[in-house]
């Protein structure tokens, strides 16, 4: 389960699922053009990925 937490306010997000296969998204990272890592949640079957959620104007961190 990809779970995220806001380090500023403590808000958490639980599992997210793929709209095509309904499988739970897994946490991963991709390298941005400038070289820093971007946190993503992606479908284990390769249907795509989304950037990690944001809260309080900053990226939420993966807690799993």
C-alpha atoms as a PDB file:
ATOM      1  CA  UNK A   1       0.000   0.000   0.000  1.00  0.00           C
ATOM      2  CA  UNK A   2       1.323   3.424  -0.931  1.00  0.00           C
ATOM      3  CA  UNK A   3       0.702   5.590   2.117  1.00  0.00           C
ATOM      4  CA  UNK A   4       1.738   9.231   2.315  1.00  0.00           C
ATOM      5  CA  UNK A   5       1.962  11.688   5.192  1.00  0.00           C
ATOM      6  CA  UNK A   6       2.302  15.456   5.322  1.00  0.00           C
ATOM      7  CA  UNK A   7       5.293  16.331   7.479  1.00  0.00           C
ATOM      8  CA  UNK A   8       3.754  19.734   8.232  1.00  0.00           C
ATOM      9  CA  UNK A   9       0.200  18.963   9.406  1.00  0.00           C
ATOM     10  CA  UNK A  10       0.170  15.169   9.783  1.00  0.00           C
ATOM     11  CA  UNK A  11      -2.543  14.507   7.170  1.00  0.00           C
ATOM     12  CA  UNK A  12      -2.254  10.984   5.736  1.00  0.00           C
ATOM     13  CA  UNK A  13      -3.460   9.285   2.565  1.00  0.00           C
ATOM     14  CA  UNK A  14      -3.998   5.519   2.450  1.00  0.00           C
ATOM     15  CA  UNK A  15      -4.219   3.247  -0.535  1.00  0.00           C
ATOM     16  CA  UNK A  16      -4.854   4.400  -4.091  1.00  0.00           C
ATOM     17  CA  UNK A  17      -5.872   2.076  -6.912  1.00  0.00           C
ATOM     18  CA  UNK A  18      -5.441   1.968 -10.682  1.00  0.00           C
ATOM     19  CA  UNK A  19      -8.595   2.915 -12.574  1.00  0.00           C
ATOM     20  CA  UNK A  20      -7.941   0.265 -15.250  1.00  0.00           C
ATOM     21  CA  UNK A  21      -7.133  -2.866 -13.235  1.00  0.00           C
ATOM     22  CA  UNK A  22      -8.147  -1.804  -9.689  1.00  0.00           C
ATOM     23  CA  UNK A  23      -4.775  -2.927  -8.268  1.00  0.00           C
ATOM     24  CA  UNK A  24      -3.236  -0.919  -5.452  1.00  0.00           C
ATOM     25  CA  UNK A  25      -0.607   1.588  -6.578  1.00  0.00           C
ATOM     26  CA  UNK A  26       2.929   1.101  -5.281  1.00  0.00           C
ATOM     27  CA  UNK A  27       5.431   3.755  -4.258  1.00  0.00           C
ATOM     28  CA  UNK A  28       8.367   4.500  -6.545  1.00  0.00           C
ATOM     29  CA  UNK A  29      10.645   7.287  -7.690  1.00  0.00           C
ATOM     30  CA  UNK A  30      11.676   8.702 -11.049  1.00  0.00           C
ATOM     31  CA  UNK A  31      14.568  11.022 -11.857  1.00  0.00           C
ATOM     32  CA  UNK A  32      13.582  14.544 -12.931  1.00  0.00           C
ATOM     33  CA  UNK A  33      15.453  16.317 -15.724  1.00  0.00           C
ATOM     34  CA  UNK A  34      17.477  18.257 -13.153  1.00  0.00           C
ATOM     35  CA  UNK A  35      18.568  15.026 -11.433  1.00  0.00           C
ATOM     36  CA  UNK A  36      16.457  15.072  -8.258  1.00  0.00           C
ATOM     37  CA  UNK A  37      14.121  12.201  -7.397  1.00  0.00           C
ATOM     38  CA  UNK A  38      10.369  12.662  -7.752  1.00  0.00           C
ATOM     39  CA  UNK A  39       8.135  10.384  -5.654  1.00  0.00           C
ATOM     40  CA  UNK A  40       5.361   8.638  -7.589  1.00  0.00           C
ATOM     41  CA  UNK A  41       2.649   6.036  -7.101  1.00  0.00           C
ATOM     42  CA  UNK A  42       2.491   3.571  -9.977  1.00  0.00           C
ATOM     43  CA  UNK A  43       0.394   0.678 -11.213  1.00  0.00           C
ATOM     44  CA  UNK A  44       2.171  -2.668 -10.714  1.00  0.00           C
ATOM     45  CA  UNK A  45       0.824  -3.766 -14.119  1.00  0.00           C
ATOM     46  CA  UNK A  46       2.332  -0.780 -15.928  1.00  0.00           C
ATOM     47  CA  UNK A  47      -0.835   1.206 -16.609  1.00  0.00           C
ATOM     48  CA  UNK A  48       0.847   4.442 -15.520  1.00  0.00           C
ATOM     49  CA  UNK A  49       2.017   6.538 -12.598  1.00  0.00           C
ATOM     50  CA  UNK A  50       1.113   9.758 -10.813  1.00  0.00           C
ATOM     51  CA  UNK A  51       3.234  12.189  -8.833  1.00  0.00           C
ATOM     52  CA  UNK A  52       3.011  11.810  -5.083  1.00  0.00           C
ATOM     53  CA  UNK A  53       0.268  13.836  -3.389  1.00  0.00           C
ATOM     54  CA  UNK A  54       0.862  17.324  -2.006  1.00  0.00           C
ATOM     55  CA  UNK A  55      -0.403  18.927   1.195  1.00  0.00           C
ATOM     56  CA  UNK A  56       0.374  22.302   2.803  1.00  0.00           C
ATOM     57  CA  UNK A  57       2.224  23.308  -0.376  1.00  0.00           C
ATOM     58  CA  UNK A  58       4.782  20.480  -0.207  1.00  0.00           C
ATOM     59  CA  UNK A  59       5.139  16.877  -1.330  1.00  0.00           C
ATOM     60  CA  UNK A  60       3.815  14.319   1.119  1.00  0.00           C
ATOM     61  CA  UNK A  61       6.363  11.668   2.138  1.00  0.00           C
ATOM     62  CA  UNK A  62       5.970   7.919   1.716  1.00  0.00           C
ATOM     63  CA  UNK A  63       5.518   6.270   5.109  1.00  0.00           C
ATOM     64  CA  UNK A  64       5.668   2.649   4.093  1.00  0.00           C
END
